[in-house]
Amino acid sequence: MPNIHSAVKRMRVAEKARLINRAAKSKINTIRRQLFEICAANDAAKSSKAFSDYCSALDKAAIKGIIKKNTAMRRKRRAAAKIALLAKAKT
């Protein structure tokens, strides 16, 4: 436990941020999982909406600094490629 008041406060702030970041990352992973389940079911209408939701969640996390901008871009590219591959395989 820190002795200095500012260090105690910083510890509280860091813990709040950690919980918020963890919740946001968990939400992103949940949306991602749902996206790939929908794509595996080959539902084009739902998959486009799910992909949009996934991109939106990634962009919001990148803006807030939860994940880096390039990480968000990379994940969006990979998801789009995987969706295209699944769509191609189903046809």
Protein backbone atom coordinates (compact mmCIF):
# COMPACT_ATOMS: atom_id res chain seq x y z
CA MET A 1 0.00 0.00 0.00
CA PRO A 2 1.44 3.38 -0.97
CA ASN A 3 2.26 5.93 1.72
CA ILE A 4 1.96 9.07 -0.39
CA HIS A 5 -1.54 10.51 -0.87
CA SER A 6 -1.12 11.06 -4.60
CA ALA A 7 0.06 7.46 -5.04
CA VAL A 8 -3.02 6.20 -3.18
CA LYS A 9 -5.25 8.29 -5.45
CA ARG A 10 -3.38 7.12 -8.54
CA MET A 11 -3.91 3.52 -7.46
CA ARG A 12 -7.68 4.10 -7.17
CA VAL A 13 -7.81 5.76 -10.58
CA ALA A 14 -5.78 2.97 -12.17
CA GLU A 15 -8.10 0.33 -10.73
CA LYS A 16 -11.19 2.10 -12.11
CA ALA A 17 -9.55 2.39 -15.52
CA ARG A 18 -8.54 -1.28 -15.44
CA LEU A 19 -12.13 -2.36 -14.79
CA ILE A 20 -13.51 -0.11 -17.54
CA ASN A 21 -10.89 -1.34 -20.02
CA ARG A 22 -11.55 -4.96 -19.12
CA ALA A 23 -15.30 -4.52 -19.63
CA ALA A 24 -14.77 -2.84 -23.01
CA LYS A 25 -12.40 -5.58 -24.21
CA SER A 26 -14.84 -8.22 -23.06
CA LYS A 27 -17.63 -6.49 -25.01
CA ILE A 28 -15.45 -6.42 -28.14
CA ASN A 29 -14.70 -10.14 -27.81
CA THR A 30 -18.38 -10.94 -27.31
CA ILE A 31 -19.38 -8.97 -30.41
CA ARG A 32 -16.59 -10.68 -32.36
CA ARG A 33 -17.76 -14.12 -31.29
CA GLN A 34 -21.34 -13.28 -32.28
CA LEU A 35 -20.14 -11.99 -35.65
CA PHE A 36 -18.35 -15.23 -36.50
CA GLU A 37 -21.29 -17.35 -35.32
CA ILE A 38 -23.59 -15.39 -37.62
CA CYS A 39 -21.14 -15.72 -40.50
CA ALA A 40 -20.87 -19.47 -39.94
CA ALA A 41 -24.67 -19.63 -40.21
CA ASN A 42 -24.32 -17.82 -43.57
CA ASP A 43 -26.85 -15.08 -42.80
CA ALA A 44 -25.81 -12.18 -45.02
CA ALA A 45 -28.18 -9.56 -43.61
CA LYS A 46 -27.26 -10.21 -40.01
CA SER A 47 -23.56 -10.57 -40.77
CA SER A 48 -23.32 -7.10 -42.30
CA LYS A 49 -25.00 -5.58 -39.24
CA ALA A 50 -22.82 -7.63 -36.88
CA PHE A 51 -19.71 -6.55 -38.78
CA SER A 52 -20.82 -2.92 -38.52
CA ASP A 53 -21.35 -3.33 -34.76
CA TYR A 54 -17.92 -4.94 -34.40
CA CYS A 55 -16.22 -2.13 -36.33
CA SER A 56 -18.08 0.45 -34.26
CA ALA A 57 -17.00 -1.18 -30.99
CA LEU A 58 -13.39 -1.30 -32.17
CA ASP A 59 -13.44 2.34 -33.26
CA LYS A 60 -14.93 3.48 -29.95
CA ALA A 61 -12.31 1.53 -28.02
CA ALA A 62 -9.53 3.02 -30.16
CA ILE A 63 -10.83 6.56 -29.62
CA LYS A 64 -10.96 6.03 -25.86
CA GLY A 65 -7.44 4.59 -25.86
CA ILE A 66 -8.48 1.12 -24.73
CA ILE A 67 -6.83 -0.40 -27.78
CA LYS A 68 -4.47 1.21 -30.26
CA LYS A 69 -5.70 2.59 -33.57
CA ASN A 70 -3.63 0.18 -35.66
CA THR A 71 -4.87 -2.76 -33.57
CA ALA A 72 -8.45 -1.76 -34.32
CA MET A 73 -7.68 -1.45 -38.03
CA ARG A 74 -5.92 -4.82 -38.09
CA ARG A 75 -8.82 -6.56 -36.35
CA LYS A 76 -11.32 -4.99 -38.76
CA ARG A 77 -9.27 -6.12 -41.77
CA ARG A 78 -8.96 -9.65 -40.43
CA ALA A 79 -12.67 -9.86 -39.65
CA ALA A 80 -13.57 -8.62 -43.14
CA ALA A 81 -11.21 -11.15 -44.71
CA LYS A 82 -12.63 -13.97 -42.61
CA ILE A 83 -16.20 -12.98 -43.49
CA ALA A 84 -15.29 -12.92 -47.18
CA LEU A 85 -13.64 -16.32 -46.88
CA LEU A 86 -16.65 -17.81 -45.10
CA ALA A 87 -19.02 -16.33 -47.67
CA LYS A 88 -16.90 -17.69 -50.49
CA ALA A 89 -16.71 -21.15 -48.91
CA LYS A 90 -20.49 -21.34 -48.38
CA THR A 91 -21.26 -20.60 -52.04
